[in-house]
Structures are given as structure tokens and as C-alpha cells.
Amino acid sequence: MLTLSGPLTHREAPRVLREGEAQLGQAREAGIAALHVDCAGLLQVDSSALAVLLSWQRTAHDAGIALDIAGAPQALSNLATLYGVESLLAIAPATAAHHHARH
């Protein structure tokens, strides 16, 4: 499991990206078929968070690992929608309740 907490902005992105890529490499070597990413602890995000998750998604896909991204804070879900990548990431929100319906 990859657990994200605190801020994930342009400052933290390079370190978090490296750490996650290393864990994905270990999972590939261990023959793990799926890896869970818990985003519930993220307190602040910017587009760098999306870049990290997209990179992990590519790495996982290339390694044959299913990446399950869950617990996304609303700000991360909003950014994914804004940039049109919500379907690429399949981010599960922190809560199932949606307060704004689209018409």
C-alpha cells in the first residue's frame, strides 16, 4: 500500500514520485498484482499530485499491476475533473456522497 499524507504539491512531488516508483518496482519484483494508494491523508494538492499519480499509473500498468487509488480529497477529485484525467486515474473519492449533481 502507498499511503499519501500531508501536502503533495510541486515541492514534495519529486520525492513522493521516487518513493512510489521504488515501491512499484518492489511490488513488480514480488509478483504483486494490485497495489492500493490511500490518498485520505492528503491535506493540500496541486497539479503535481495528478502528475505523480499519472506517472505511478503508467509504471503500474507497464508492470502489470492494478493501481487502486482511493480516499481522494475533494480538491484532488476536482483537479482530476478540471484536467480531464478522472477516467485515467479512476480516483475514488473520500466520501461517496456527491453534493453537486451535473445536468
Protein backbone atom coordinates (compact mmCIF):
# COMPACT_ATOMS: atom_id res chain seq x y z
CA MET A 1 0.00 0.00 0.00
CA LEU A 2 1.13 3.50 -0.81
CA THR A 3 -0.12 5.99 1.77
CA LEU A 4 -0.08 9.68 0.93
CA SER A 5 -0.34 12.29 3.67
CA GLY A 6 0.28 15.97 4.22
CA PRO A 7 0.80 18.23 1.23
CA LEU A 8 1.52 16.89 -2.26
CA THR A 9 2.49 19.94 -4.26
CA HIS A 10 5.39 20.85 -6.55
CA ARG A 11 7.77 20.83 -3.55
CA GLU A 12 7.01 17.27 -2.44
CA ALA A 13 6.26 15.75 -5.86
CA PRO A 14 9.81 14.67 -6.87
CA ARG A 15 10.41 12.85 -3.57
CA VAL A 16 6.95 11.26 -3.48
CA LEU A 17 7.28 10.21 -7.12
CA ARG A 18 10.62 8.48 -6.44
CA GLU A 19 9.33 6.74 -3.32
CA GLY A 20 6.23 5.46 -5.12
CA GLU A 21 8.21 4.30 -8.16
CA ALA A 22 10.52 2.37 -5.82
CA GLN A 23 7.55 0.69 -4.12
CA LEU A 24 6.05 -0.18 -7.51
CA GLY A 25 9.37 -1.73 -8.52
CA GLN A 26 9.39 -3.82 -5.35
CA ALA A 27 5.78 -4.88 -5.97
CA ARG A 28 6.67 -5.94 -9.53
CA GLU A 29 9.62 -7.99 -8.30
CA ALA A 30 7.43 -9.62 -5.64
CA GLY A 31 4.79 -10.51 -8.24
CA ILE A 32 2.10 -8.39 -6.61
CA ALA A 33 -0.87 -7.93 -8.96
CA ALA A 34 -2.53 -4.94 -7.29
CA LEU A 35 -1.45 -2.01 -5.17
CA HIS A 36 -3.67 0.30 -3.13
CA VAL A 37 -2.94 4.04 -2.97
CA ASP A 38 -4.56 5.73 0.03
CA CYS A 39 -4.96 9.47 -0.56
CA ALA A 40 -7.13 10.16 2.50
CA GLY A 41 -4.28 11.86 4.37
CA LEU A 42 -3.58 14.45 1.69
CA LEU A 43 -4.08 17.94 3.11
CA GLN A 44 -3.02 20.09 0.16
CA VAL A 45 -2.67 19.23 -3.53
CA ASP A 46 -1.90 20.93 -6.79
CA SER A 47 -1.49 19.64 -10.34
CA SER A 48 1.78 18.00 -9.28
CA ALA A 49 -0.26 15.44 -7.32
CA LEU A 50 -2.02 14.46 -10.54
CA ALA A 51 1.33 14.18 -12.32
CA VAL A 52 2.63 11.84 -9.61
CA LEU A 53 -0.48 9.65 -9.73
CA LEU A 54 -0.47 9.52 -13.54
CA SER A 55 3.19 8.52 -13.56
CA TRP A 56 2.54 5.80 -11.00
CA GLN A 57 -0.43 4.64 -13.07
CA ARG A 58 1.80 4.30 -16.17
CA THR A 59 4.51 2.47 -14.23
CA ALA A 60 1.97 0.13 -12.65
CA HIS A 61 0.30 -0.57 -15.99
CA ASP A 62 3.65 -1.35 -17.63
CA ALA A 63 4.45 -3.72 -14.75
CA GLY A 64 1.05 -5.45 -14.94
CA ILE A 65 -0.02 -4.06 -11.57
CA ALA A 66 -3.53 -2.76 -10.98
CA LEU A 67 -3.37 0.55 -9.13
CA ASP A 68 -6.33 1.29 -6.85
CA ILE A 69 -6.47 4.98 -5.91
CA ALA A 70 -8.89 5.69 -3.06
CA GLY A 71 -9.72 8.24 -0.41
CA ALA A 72 -9.10 11.22 -2.66
CA PRO A 73 -9.84 14.56 -1.06
CA GLN A 74 -12.34 16.71 -2.93
CA ALA A 75 -9.57 19.06 -4.12
CA LEU A 76 -7.79 16.17 -5.88
CA SER A 77 -11.01 14.93 -7.47
CA ASN A 78 -11.78 18.47 -8.62
CA LEU A 79 -8.32 18.83 -10.20
CA ALA A 80 -8.68 15.48 -11.97
CA THR A 81 -12.01 16.62 -13.40
CA LEU A 82 -10.63 20.04 -14.35
CA TYR A 83 -7.74 18.47 -16.27
CA GLY A 84 -9.95 15.75 -17.77
CA VAL A 85 -7.97 12.85 -16.29
CA GLU A 86 -10.52 11.49 -13.82
CA SER A 87 -11.20 8.47 -16.06
CA LEU A 88 -7.47 7.78 -16.45
CA LEU A 89 -6.94 7.70 -12.72
CA ALA A 90 -10.30 6.27 -11.64
CA ILE A 91 -9.95 8.13 -8.35
CA ALA A 92 -12.37 7.00 -5.67
CA PRO A 93 -13.42 9.99 -3.56
CA ALA A 94 -13.01 10.12 0.20
CA THR A 95 -16.80 10.01 0.55
CA ALA A 96 -19.40 8.53 -1.74
CA ALA A 97 -21.74 11.48 -1.31
CA HIS A 98 -21.82 13.94 -4.18
CA HIS A 99 -23.24 17.33 -3.30
CA HIS A 100 -23.30 18.82 -6.79
CA ALA A 101 -25.22 16.99 -9.47
CA ARG A 102 -24.42 17.67 -13.11
CA HIS A 103 -27.26 18.40 -15.50
